[in-house]
Each structure stands twice: as C-alpha cells, then as structure tokens.
PDB file of all heavy atoms in Angstrom:
ATOM      1  N   LEU A   1      -2.190 -16.451   4.481  1.00  0.00           N
ATOM      2  CA  LEU A   1      -2.612 -17.164   5.679  1.00  0.00           C
ATOM      3  C   LEU A   1      -4.136 -17.207   5.788  1.00  0.00           C
ATOM      4  O   LEU A   1      -4.720 -18.242   6.143  1.00  0.00           O
ATOM      5  CB  LEU A   1      -2.010 -16.491   6.916  1.00  0.00           C
ATOM      6  CG  LEU A   1      -0.510 -16.713   7.119  1.00  0.00           C
ATOM      7  CD1 LEU A   1       0.023 -15.730   8.145  1.00  0.00           C
ATOM      8  CD2 LEU A   1      -0.223 -18.137   7.544  1.00  0.00           C
ATOM      9  N   GLU A   2      -4.806 -16.101   5.493  1.00  0.00           N
ATOM     10  CA  GLU A   2      -6.264 -16.077   5.547  1.00  0.00           C
ATOM     11  C   GLU A   2      -6.859 -17.100   4.578  1.00  0.00           C
ATOM     12  O   GLU A   2      -7.806 -17.813   4.915  1.00  0.00           O
ATOM     13  CB  GLU A   2      -6.781 -14.667   5.208  1.00  0.00           C
ATOM     14  CG  GLU A   2      -6.616 -13.650   6.321  1.00  0.00           C
ATOM     15  CD  GLU A   2      -7.664 -13.814   7.419  1.00  0.00           C
ATOM     16  OE1 GLU A   2      -8.625 -14.591   7.222  1.00  0.00           O
ATOM     17  OE2 GLU A   2      -7.517 -13.164   8.469  1.00  0.00           O
ATOM     18  N   ARG A   3      -6.297 -17.178   3.376  1.00  0.00           N
ATOM     19  CA  ARG A   3      -6.816 -18.140   2.403  1.00  0.00           C
ATOM     20  C   ARG A   3      -6.570 -19.573   2.852  1.00  0.00           C
ATOM     21  O   ARG A   3      -7.278 -20.491   2.426  1.00  0.00           O
ATOM     22  CB  ARG A   3      -6.195 -17.886   1.032  1.00  0.00           C
ATOM     23  CG  ARG A   3      -6.697 -16.622   0.352  1.00  0.00           C
ATOM     24  CD  ARG A   3      -6.295 -16.569  -1.101  1.00  0.00           C
ATOM     25  NE  ARG A   3      -4.869 -16.425  -1.260  1.00  0.00           N
ATOM     26  CZ  ARG A   3      -4.236 -15.257  -1.331  1.00  0.00           C
ATOM     27  NH1 ARG A   3      -4.919 -14.123  -1.241  1.00  0.00           N
ATOM     28  NH2 ARG A   3      -2.926 -15.207  -1.489  1.00  0.00           N
ATOM     29  N   ALA A   4      -5.559 -19.770   3.719  1.00  0.00           N
ATOM     30  CA  ALA A   4      -5.278 -21.105   4.252  1.00  0.00           C
ATOM     31  C   ALA A   4      -6.109 -21.412   5.493  1.00  0.00           C
ATOM     32  O   ALA A   4      -5.944 -22.465   6.108  1.00  0.00           O
ATOM     33  CB  ALA A   4      -3.791 -21.227   4.577  1.00  0.00           C
ATOM     34  N   GLY A   5      -6.987 -20.487   5.880  1.00  0.00           N
ATOM     35  CA  GLY A   5      -7.855 -20.734   7.010  1.00  0.00           C
ATOM     36  C   GLY A   5      -7.320 -20.274   8.341  1.00  0.00           C
ATOM     37  O   GLY A   5      -7.836 -20.673   9.391  1.00  0.00           O
ATOM     38  N   VAL A   6      -6.300 -19.443   8.332  1.00  0.00           N
ATOM     39  CA  VAL A   6      -5.703 -18.953   9.567  1.00  0.00           C
ATOM     40  C   VAL A   6      -6.279 -17.575   9.889  1.00  0.00           C
ATOM     41  O   VAL A   6      -6.426 -16.728   9.008  1.00  0.00           O
ATOM     42  CB  VAL A   6      -4.166 -18.871   9.426  1.00  0.00           C
ATOM     43  CG1 VAL A   6      -3.542 -18.369  10.717  1.00  0.00           C
ATOM     44  CG2 VAL A   6      -3.594 -20.223   9.042  1.00  0.00           C
ATOM     45  N   SER A   7      -6.577 -17.335  11.146  1.00  0.00           N
ATOM     46  CA  SER A   7      -7.066 -16.029  11.580  1.00  0.00           C
ATOM     47  C   SER A   7      -5.887 -15.093  11.788  1.00  0.00           C
ATOM     48  O   SER A   7      -4.989 -15.377  12.577  1.00  0.00           O
ATOM     49  CB  SER A   7      -7.853 -16.178  12.883  1.00  0.00           C
ATOM     50  OG  SER A   7      -8.260 -14.907  13.357  1.00  0.00           O
ATOM     51  N   VAL A   8      -5.875 -13.971  11.064  1.00  0.00           N
ATOM     52  CA  VAL A   8      -4.723 -13.069  11.060  1.00  0.00           C
ATOM     53  C   VAL A   8      -5.154 -11.671  11.484  1.00  0.00           C
ATOM     54  O   VAL A   8      -6.199 -11.172  11.065  1.00  0.00           O
ATOM     55  CB  VAL A   8      -4.070 -12.998   9.661  1.00  0.00           C
ATOM     56  CG1 VAL A   8      -2.845 -12.094   9.695  1.00  0.00           C
ATOM     57  CG2 VAL A   8      -3.688 -14.382   9.164  1.00  0.00           C
ATOM     58  N   ARG A   9      -4.330 -11.050  12.284  1.00  0.00           N
ATOM     59  CA  ARG A   9      -4.481  -9.631  12.601  1.00  0.00           C
ATOM     60  C   ARG A   9      -3.191  -8.924  12.173  1.00  0.00           C
ATOM     61  O   ARG A   9      -2.098  -9.369  12.517  1.00  0.00           O
ATOM     62  CB  ARG A   9      -4.727  -9.410  14.088  1.00  0.00           C
ATOM     63  CG  ARG A   9      -4.738  -7.934  14.494  1.00  0.00           C
ATOM     64  CD  ARG A   9      -5.181  -7.755  15.927  1.00  0.00           C
ATOM     65  NE  ARG A   9      -6.572  -8.220  16.075  1.00  0.00           N
ATOM     66  CZ  ARG A   9      -7.181  -8.326  17.253  1.00  0.00           C
ATOM     67  NH1 ARG A   9      -6.537  -8.047  18.370  1.00  0.00           N
ATOM     68  NH2 ARG A   9      -8.434  -8.721  17.305  1.00  0.00           N
ATOM     69  N   VAL A  10      -3.334  -7.834  11.431  1.00  0.00           N
ATOM     70  CA  VAL A  10      -2.186  -7.057  10.980  1.00  0.00           C
ATOM     71  C   VAL A  10      -2.110  -5.775  11.799  1.00  0.00           C
ATOM     72  O   VAL A  10      -3.099  -5.047  11.921  1.00  0.00           O
ATOM     73  CB  VAL A  10      -2.294  -6.720   9.477  1.00  0.00           C
ATOM     74  CG1 VAL A  10      -1.076  -5.912   9.026  1.00  0.00           C
ATOM     75  CG2 VAL A  10      -2.419  -7.989   8.645  1.00  0.00           C
ATOM     76  N   LEU A  11      -0.948  -5.497  12.361  1.00  0.00           N
ATOM     77  CA  LEU A  11      -0.717  -4.288  13.145  1.00  0.00           C
ATOM     78  C   LEU A  11       0.199  -3.347  12.362  1.00  0.00           C
ATOM     79  O   LEU A  11       1.309  -3.725  12.001  1.00  0.00           O
ATOM     80  CB  LEU A  11      -0.084  -4.634  14.491  1.00  0.00           C
ATOM     81  CG  LEU A  11      -0.824  -5.673  15.342  1.00  0.00           C
ATOM     82  CD1 LEU A  11      -0.070  -5.915  16.645  1.00  0.00           C
ATOM     83  CD2 LEU A  11      -2.253  -5.236  15.615  1.00  0.00           C
ATOM     84  N   GLU A  12      -0.275  -2.150  12.107  1.00  0.00           N
ATOM     85  CA  GLU A  12       0.460  -1.170  11.297  1.00  0.00           C
ATOM     86  C   GLU A  12       0.601   0.142  12.056  1.00  0.00           C
ATOM     87  O   GLU A  12      -0.389   0.717  12.513  1.00  0.00           O
ATOM     88  CB  GLU A  12      -0.264  -0.935   9.969  1.00  0.00           C
ATOM     89  CG  GLU A  12       0.241   0.248   9.161  1.00  0.00           C
ATOM     90  CD  GLU A  12       1.724   0.172   8.838  1.00  0.00           C
ATOM     91  OE1 GLU A  12       2.175  -0.881   8.346  1.00  0.00           O
ATOM     92  OE2 GLU A  12       2.431   1.179   9.089  1.00  0.00           O
ATOM     93  N   ALA A  13       1.830   0.626  12.188  1.00  0.00           N
ATOM     94  CA  ALA A  13       2.084   1.853  12.933  1.00  0.00           C
ATOM     95  C   ALA A  13       1.543   3.090  12.223  1.00  0.00           C
ATOM     96  O   ALA A  13       1.072   4.039  12.868  1.00  0.00           O
ATOM     97  CB  ALA A  13       3.579   2.007  13.189  1.00  0.00           C
ATOM     98  N   ARG A  14       1.614   3.093  10.904  1.00  0.00           N
ATOM     99  CA  ARG A  14       1.134   4.258  10.161  1.00  0.00           C
ATOM    100  C   ARG A  14      -0.396   4.290  10.133  1.00  0.00           C
ATOM    101  O   ARG A  14      -1.064   3.324  10.483  1.00  0.00           O
ATOM    102  CB  ARG A  14       1.651   4.222   8.717  1.00  0.00           C
ATOM    103  CG  ARG A  14       3.157   4.407   8.559  1.00  0.00           C
ATOM    104  CD  ARG A  14       3.478   4.461   7.071  1.00  0.00           C
ATOM    105  NE  ARG A  14       4.875   4.749   6.814  1.00  0.00           N
ATOM    106  CZ  ARG A  14       5.791   3.823   6.533  1.00  0.00           C
ATOM    107  NH1 ARG A  14       5.450   2.542   6.502  1.00  0.00           N
ATOM    108  NH2 ARG A  14       7.034   4.159   6.277  1.00  0.00           N
ATOM    109  N   GLY A  15      -0.899   5.388   9.611  1.00  0.00           N
ATOM    110  CA  GLY A  15      -2.339   5.525   9.453  1.00  0.00           C
ATOM    111  C   GLY A  15      -2.822   5.114   8.084  1.00  0.00           C
ATOM    112  O   GLY A  15      -3.930   5.490   7.671  1.00  0.00           O
ATOM    113  N   ARG A  16      -2.034   4.363   7.355  1.00  0.00           N
ATOM    114  CA  ARG A  16      -2.405   3.931   6.006  1.00  0.00           C
ATOM    115  C   ARG A  16      -1.790   2.571   5.722  1.00  0.00           C
ATOM    116  O   ARG A  16      -0.850   2.129   6.400  1.00  0.00           O
ATOM    117  CB  ARG A  16      -1.908   4.941   4.960  1.00  0.00           C
ATOM    118  CG  ARG A  16      -0.404   5.104   4.956  1.00  0.00           C
ATOM    119  CD  ARG A  16       0.098   5.967   3.808  1.00  0.00           C
ATOM    120  NE  ARG A  16       1.544   6.131   3.869  1.00  0.00           N
ATOM    121  CZ  ARG A  16       2.417   5.237   3.405  1.00  0.00           C
ATOM    122  NH1 ARG A  16       1.992   4.115   2.849  1.00  0.00           N
ATOM    123  NH2 ARG A  16       3.718   5.467   3.499  1.00  0.00           N
ATOM    124  N   LEU A  17      -2.288   1.918   4.680  1.00  0.00           N
ATOM    125  CA  LEU A  17      -1.710   0.671   4.202  1.00  0.00           C
ATOM    126  C   LEU A  17      -0.586   0.963   3.202  1.00  0.00           C
ATOM    127  O   LEU A  17      -0.478   2.065   2.674  1.00  0.00           O
ATOM    128  CB  LEU A  17      -2.783  -0.171   3.495  1.00  0.00           C
ATOM    129  CG  LEU A  17      -4.036  -0.536   4.284  1.00  0.00           C
ATOM    130  CD1 LEU A  17      -4.986  -1.330   3.390  1.00  0.00           C
ATOM    131  CD2 LEU A  17      -3.681  -1.337   5.528  1.00  0.00           C
ATOM    132  N   GLY A  18       0.234  -0.034   2.935  1.00  0.00           N
ATOM    133  CA  GLY A  18       1.141   0.038   1.793  1.00  0.00           C
ATOM    134  C   GLY A  18       2.609   0.154   2.090  1.00  0.00           C
ATOM    135  O   GLY A  18       3.436  -0.199   1.255  1.00  0.00           O
ATOM    136  N   GLY A  19       2.988   0.691   3.263  1.00  0.00           N
ATOM    137  CA  GLY A  19       4.418   0.837   3.538  1.00  0.00           C
ATOM    138  C   GLY A  19       5.084   1.719   2.498  1.00  0.00           C
ATOM    139  O   GLY A  19       4.703   2.880   2.304  1.00  0.00           O
ATOM    140  N   ARG A  20       6.055   1.150   1.778  1.00  0.00           N
ATOM    141  CA  ARG A  20       6.776   1.933   0.762  1.00  0.00           C
ATOM    142  C   ARG A  20       5.949   2.182  -0.485  1.00  0.00           C
ATOM    143  O   ARG A  20       6.355   2.961  -1.353  1.00  0.00           O
ATOM    144  CB  ARG A  20       8.084   1.222   0.400  1.00  0.00           C
ATOM    145  CG  ARG A  20       9.115   1.266   1.512  1.00  0.00           C
ATOM    146  CD  ARG A  20      10.357   0.489   1.145  1.00  0.00           C
ATOM    147  NE  ARG A  20      10.068  -0.929   1.050  1.00  0.00           N
ATOM    148  CZ  ARG A  20      10.926  -1.835   0.597  1.00  0.00           C
ATOM    149  NH1 ARG A  20      12.111  -1.446   0.163  1.00  0.00           N
ATOM    150  NH2 ARG A  20      10.612  -3.097   0.559  1.00  0.00           N
ATOM    151  N   VAL A  21       4.816   1.517  -0.606  1.00  0.00           N
ATOM    152  CA  VAL A  21       3.876   1.813  -1.691  1.00  0.00           C
ATOM    153  C   VAL A  21       2.895   2.862  -1.166  1.00  0.00           C
ATOM    154  O   VAL A  21       2.098   2.591  -0.278  1.00  0.00           O
ATOM    155  CB  VAL A  21       3.117   0.554  -2.138  1.00  0.00           C
ATOM    156  CG1 VAL A  21       2.128   0.903  -3.252  1.00  0.00           C
ATOM    157  CG2 VAL A  21       4.098  -0.521  -2.607  1.00  0.00           C
ATOM    158  N   TRP A  22       2.976   4.068  -1.691  1.00  0.00           N
ATOM    159  CA  TRP A  22       2.178   5.171  -1.156  1.00  0.00           C
ATOM    160  C   TRP A  22       1.700   6.052  -2.307  1.00  0.00           C
ATOM    161  O   TRP A  22       2.457   6.842  -2.859  1.00  0.00           O
ATOM    162  CB  TRP A  22       3.008   5.996  -0.166  1.00  0.00           C
ATOM    163  CG  TRP A  22       2.270   7.138   0.457  1.00  0.00           C
ATOM    164  CD1 TRP A  22       0.921   7.371   0.445  1.00  0.00           C
ATOM    165  CD2 TRP A  22       2.844   8.235   1.179  1.00  0.00           C
ATOM    166  NE1 TRP A  22       0.617   8.528   1.123  1.00  0.00           N
ATOM    167  CE2 TRP A  22       1.773   9.069   1.580  1.00  0.00           C
ATOM    168  CE3 TRP A  22       4.147   8.570   1.539  1.00  0.00           C
ATOM    169  CZ2 TRP A  22       1.990  10.232   2.308  1.00  0.00           C
ATOM    170  CZ3 TRP A  22       4.348   9.727   2.264  1.00  0.00           C
ATOM    171  CH2 TRP A  22       3.282  10.542   2.649  1.00  0.00           C
ATOM    172  N   THR A  23       0.452   5.890  -2.667  1.00  0.00           N
ATOM    173  CA  THR A  23      -0.156   6.742  -3.678  1.00  0.00           C
ATOM    174  C   THR A  23      -0.923   7.853  -2.983  1.00  0.00           C
ATOM    175  O   THR A  23      -1.939   7.609  -2.340  1.00  0.00           O
ATOM    176  CB  THR A  23      -1.104   5.941  -4.595  1.00  0.00           C
ATOM    177  OG1 THR A  23      -0.375   4.892  -5.230  1.00  0.00           O
ATOM    178  CG2 THR A  23      -1.694   6.848  -5.666  1.00  0.00           C
ATOM    179  N   SER A  24      -0.429   9.070  -3.099  1.00  0.00           N
ATOM    180  CA  SER A  24      -1.072  10.232  -2.489  1.00  0.00           C
ATOM    181  C   SER A  24      -2.042  10.862  -3.487  1.00  0.00           C
ATOM    182  O   SER A  24      -1.779  10.902  -4.688  1.00  0.00           O
ATOM    183  CB  SER A  24      -0.023  11.262  -2.083  1.00  0.00           C
ATOM    184  OG  SER A  24      -0.647  12.478  -1.692  1.00  0.00           O
ATOM    185  N   ARG A  25      -3.167  11.350  -2.967  1.00  0.00           N
ATOM    186  CA  ARG A  25      -4.134  12.089  -3.788  1.00  0.00           C
ATOM    187  C   ARG A  25      -4.339  13.500  -3.226  1.00  0.00           C
ATOM    188  O   ARG A  25      -5.382  14.124  -3.450  1.00  0.00           O
ATOM    189  CB  ARG A  25      -5.454  11.331  -3.870  1.00  0.00           C
ATOM    190  CG  ARG A  25      -5.315   9.980  -4.559  1.00  0.00           C
ATOM    191  CD  ARG A  25      -6.628   9.239  -4.684  1.00  0.00           C
ATOM    192  NE  ARG A  25      -6.428   7.960  -5.342  1.00  0.00           N
ATOM    193  CZ  ARG A  25      -6.436   7.760  -6.650  1.00  0.00           C
ATOM    194  NH1 ARG A  25      -6.663   8.797  -7.455  1.00  0.00           N
ATOM    195  NH2 ARG A  25      -6.234   6.571  -7.167  1.00  0.00           N
ATOM    196  N   ALA A  26      -3.323  13.976  -2.507  1.00  0.00           N
ATOM    197  CA  ALA A  26      -3.426  15.293  -1.880  1.00  0.00           C
ATOM    198  C   ALA A  26      -3.390  16.427  -2.898  1.00  0.00           C
ATOM    199  O   ALA A  26      -3.821  17.542  -2.595  1.00  0.00           O
ATOM    200  CB  ALA A  26      -2.294  15.471  -0.865  1.00  0.00           C
ATOM    201  N   LEU A  27      -2.889  16.159  -4.096  1.00  0.00           N
ATOM    202  CA  LEU A  27      -2.771  17.195  -5.120  1.00  0.00           C
ATOM    203  C   LEU A  27      -4.013  17.183  -5.996  1.00  0.00           C
ATOM    204  O   LEU A  27      -4.019  16.653  -7.112  1.00  0.00           O
ATOM    205  CB  LEU A  27      -1.512  16.965  -5.967  1.00  0.00           C
ATOM    206  CG  LEU A  27      -1.117  18.084  -6.934  1.00  0.00           C
ATOM    207  CD1 LEU A  27      -0.766  19.356  -6.173  1.00  0.00           C
ATOM    208  CD2 LEU A  27       0.065  17.638  -7.788  1.00  0.00           C
ATOM    209  N   GLY A  28      -5.103  17.718  -5.457  1.00  0.00           N
ATOM    210  CA  GLY A  28      -6.333  17.818  -6.231  1.00  0.00           C
ATOM    211  C   GLY A  28      -6.906  16.480  -6.649  1.00  0.00           C
ATOM    212  O   GLY A  28      -7.591  16.395  -7.684  1.00  0.00           O
ATOM    213  N   GLY A  29      -6.627  15.426  -5.882  1.00  0.00           N
ATOM    214  CA  GLY A  29      -7.157  14.114  -6.204  1.00  0.00           C
ATOM    215  C   GLY A  29      -6.364  13.360  -7.242  1.00  0.00           C
ATOM    216  O   GLY A  29      -6.704  12.215  -7.581  1.00  0.00           O
ATOM    217  N   ILE A  30      -5.298  13.978  -7.760  1.00  0.00           N
ATOM    218  CA  ILE A  30      -4.475  13.314  -8.779  1.00  0.00           C
ATOM    219  C   ILE A  30      -3.617  12.248  -8.102  1.00  0.00           C
ATOM    220  O   ILE A  30      -2.933  12.527  -7.121  1.00  0.00           O
ATOM    221  CB  ILE A  30      -3.564  14.330  -9.498  1.00  0.00           C
ATOM    222  CG1 ILE A  30      -4.413  15.391 -10.196  1.00  0.00           C
ATOM    223  CG2 ILE A  30      -2.637  13.637 -10.483  1.00  0.00           C
ATOM    224  CD1 ILE A  30      -3.603  16.555 -10.723  1.00  0.00           C
ATOM    225  N   PRO A  31      -3.626  10.998  -8.596  1.00  0.00           N
ATOM    226  CA  PRO A  31      -2.790   9.961  -7.981  1.00  0.00           C
ATOM    227  C   PRO A  31      -1.305  10.216  -8.232  1.00  0.00           C
ATOM    228  O   PRO A  31      -0.865  10.337  -9.375  1.00  0.00           O
ATOM    229  CB  PRO A  31      -3.251   8.666  -8.664  1.00  0.00           C
ATOM    230  CG  PRO A  31      -3.853   9.102  -9.958  1.00  0.00           C
ATOM    231  CD  PRO A  31      -4.437  10.465  -9.715  1.00  0.00           C
ATOM    232  N   LEU A  32      -0.554  10.342  -7.152  1.00  0.00           N
ATOM    233  CA  LEU A  32       0.879  10.614  -7.249  1.00  0.00           C
ATOM    234  C   LEU A  32       1.621   9.607  -6.370  1.00  0.00           C
ATOM    235  O   LEU A  32       1.423   9.582  -5.153  1.00  0.00           O
ATOM    236  CB  LEU A  32       1.186  12.041  -6.787  1.00  0.00           C
ATOM    237  CG  LEU A  32       2.663  12.440  -6.739  1.00  0.00           C
ATOM    238  CD1 LEU A  32       3.277  12.405  -8.128  1.00  0.00           C
ATOM    239  CD2 LEU A  32       2.821  13.822  -6.113  1.00  0.00           C
ATOM    240  N   ASP A  33       2.447   8.772  -6.985  1.00  0.00           N
ATOM    241  CA  ASP A  33       3.191   7.765  -6.233  1.00  0.00           C
ATOM    242  C   ASP A  33       4.398   8.406  -5.568  1.00  0.00           C
ATOM    243  O   ASP A  33       5.326   8.858  -6.240  1.00  0.00           O
ATOM    244  CB  ASP A  33       3.632   6.621  -7.153  1.00  0.00           C
ATOM    245  CG  ASP A  33       2.509   5.639  -7.421  1.00  0.00           C
ATOM    246  OD1 ASP A  33       1.736   5.374  -6.484  1.00  0.00           O
ATOM    247  OD2 ASP A  33       2.392   5.134  -8.556  1.00  0.00           O
ATOM    248  N   LEU A  34       4.404   8.417  -4.234  1.00  0.00           N
ATOM    249  CA  LEU A  34       5.519   8.957  -3.462  1.00  0.00           C
ATOM    250  C   LEU A  34       6.484   7.856  -3.025  1.00  0.00           C
ATOM    251  O   LEU A  34       7.501   8.143  -2.406  1.00  0.00           O
ATOM    252  CB  LEU A  34       4.984   9.705  -2.234  1.00  0.00           C
ATOM    253  CG  LEU A  34       4.041  10.873  -2.538  1.00  0.00           C
ATOM    254  CD1 LEU A  34       3.593  11.528  -1.239  1.00  0.00           C
ATOM    255  CD2 LEU A  34       4.716  11.889  -3.449  1.00  0.00           C
ATOM    256  N   GLY A  35       6.155   6.624  -3.316  1.00  0.00           N
ATOM    257  CA  GLY A  35       7.029   5.492  -3.002  1.00  0.00           C
ATOM    258  C   GLY A  35       7.236   4.669  -4.251  1.00  0.00           C
ATOM    259  O   GLY A  35       7.581   5.187  -5.303  1.00  0.00           O
ATOM    260  N   ALA A  36       7.003   3.365  -4.140  1.00  0.00           N
ATOM    261  CA  ALA A  36       7.139   2.480  -5.301  1.00  0.00           C
ATOM    262  C   ALA A  36       6.213   2.951  -6.418  1.00  0.00           C
ATOM    263  O   ALA A  36       5.081   3.365  -6.167  1.00  0.00           O
ATOM    264  CB  ALA A  36       6.791   1.044  -4.900  1.00  0.00           C
ATOM    265  N   SER A  37       6.694   2.897  -7.655  1.00  0.00           N
ATOM    266  CA  SER A  37       5.872   3.369  -8.768  1.00  0.00           C
ATOM    267  C   SER A  37       6.041   2.545 -10.042  1.00  0.00           C
ATOM    268  O   SER A  37       5.326   2.779 -11.006  1.00  0.00           O
ATOM    269  CB  SER A  37       6.191   4.840  -9.072  1.00  0.00           C
ATOM    270  OG  SER A  37       7.571   5.014  -9.325  1.00  0.00           O
ATOM    271  N   TRP A  38       6.962   1.591 -10.052  1.00  0.00           N
ATOM    272  CA  TRP A  38       7.297   0.881 -11.285  1.00  0.00           C
ATOM    273  C   TRP A  38       6.964  -0.606 -11.201  1.00  0.00           C
ATOM    274  O   TRP A  38       7.062  -1.214 -10.143  1.00  0.00           O
ATOM    275  CB  TRP A  38       8.793   0.952 -11.565  1.00  0.00           C
ATOM    276  CG  TRP A  38       9.347   2.313 -11.769  1.00  0.00           C
ATOM    277  CD1 TRP A  38       9.651   3.239 -10.810  1.00  0.00           C
ATOM    278  CD2 TRP A  38       9.689   2.912 -13.013  1.00  0.00           C
ATOM    279  NE1 TRP A  38      10.163   4.372 -11.391  1.00  0.00           N
ATOM    280  CE2 TRP A  38      10.198   4.206 -12.732  1.00  0.00           C
ATOM    281  CE3 TRP A  38       9.622   2.484 -14.341  1.00  0.00           C
ATOM    282  CZ2 TRP A  38      10.631   5.063 -13.736  1.00  0.00           C
ATOM    283  CZ3 TRP A  38      10.055   3.342 -15.330  1.00  0.00           C
ATOM    284  CH2 TRP A  38      10.544   4.619 -15.027  1.00  0.00           C
ATOM    285  N   ILE A  39       6.631  -1.185 -12.337  1.00  0.00           N
ATOM    286  CA  ILE A  39       6.821  -2.617 -12.566  1.00  0.00           C
ATOM    287  C   ILE A  39       8.086  -2.713 -13.406  1.00  0.00           C
ATOM    288  O   ILE A  39       8.102  -2.298 -14.566  1.00  0.00           O
ATOM    289  CB  ILE A  39       5.643  -3.257 -13.323  1.00  0.00           C
ATOM    290  CG1 ILE A  39       4.364  -3.157 -12.516  1.00  0.00           C
ATOM    291  CG2 ILE A  39       5.965  -4.715 -13.645  1.00  0.00           C
ATOM    292  CD1 ILE A  39       3.148  -3.682 -13.251  1.00  0.00           C
ATOM    293  N   HIS A  40       9.150  -3.220 -12.815  1.00  0.00           N
ATOM    294  CA  HIS A  40      10.406  -3.342 -13.559  1.00  0.00           C
ATOM    295  C   HIS A  40      10.412  -4.664 -14.312  1.00  0.00           C
ATOM    296  O   HIS A  40      10.823  -5.700 -13.808  1.00  0.00           O
ATOM    297  CB  HIS A  40      11.600  -3.264 -12.608  1.00  0.00           C
ATOM    298  CG  HIS A  40      11.938  -1.867 -12.184  1.00  0.00           C
ATOM    299  ND1 HIS A  40      12.340  -0.899 -13.073  1.00  0.00           N
ATOM    300  CD2 HIS A  40      11.900  -1.264 -10.969  1.00  0.00           C
ATOM    301  CE1 HIS A  40      12.558   0.231 -12.429  1.00  0.00           C
ATOM    302  NE2 HIS A  40      12.293   0.041 -11.159  1.00  0.00           N
ATOM    303  N   GLY A  41       9.939  -4.620 -15.545  1.00  0.00           N
ATOM    304  CA  GLY A  41       9.857  -5.811 -16.379  1.00  0.00           C
ATOM    305  C   GLY A  41       8.513  -6.490 -16.199  1.00  0.00           C
ATOM    306  O   GLY A  41       8.175  -6.932 -15.108  1.00  0.00           O
ATOM    307  N   ASP A  42       7.722  -6.557 -17.282  1.00  0.00           N
ATOM    308  CA  ASP A  42       6.392  -7.160 -17.164  1.00  0.00           C
ATOM    309  C   ASP A  42       6.399  -8.649 -17.470  1.00  0.00           C
ATOM    310  O   ASP A  42       5.347  -9.281 -17.560  1.00  0.00           O
ATOM    311  CB  ASP A  42       5.383  -6.426 -18.054  1.00  0.00           C
ATOM    312  CG  ASP A  42       5.797  -6.383 -19.520  1.00  0.00           C
ATOM    313  OD1 ASP A  42       6.773  -7.076 -19.900  1.00  0.00           O
ATOM    314  OD2 ASP A  42       5.142  -5.653 -20.295  1.00  0.00           O
TER     315      ASP A  42
END
C-alpha cells in the first residue's frame, strides 16, 4: 500500500515485529528462530 501511495499505519499488540517469525538473540546474541525458520522449497 505504501508503494502505491497510500498512507498506512500498522498497529501491533506485541513489542516486536514479525508475528510468527521471531528471531531471538537472547542466547549470547546468537540468532535463534523461535517461530518460522524454513524456506520450504527454493
């Protein structure tokens, strides 16, 4: 929508982006996917 020239506001209940995509770095900065993690078929 933004690329089409529409003004958009996104409202998110969590304190982060991504929803089911969640890369945590709480383990010493190591990226750990706690949600989606695969490309199933490239």
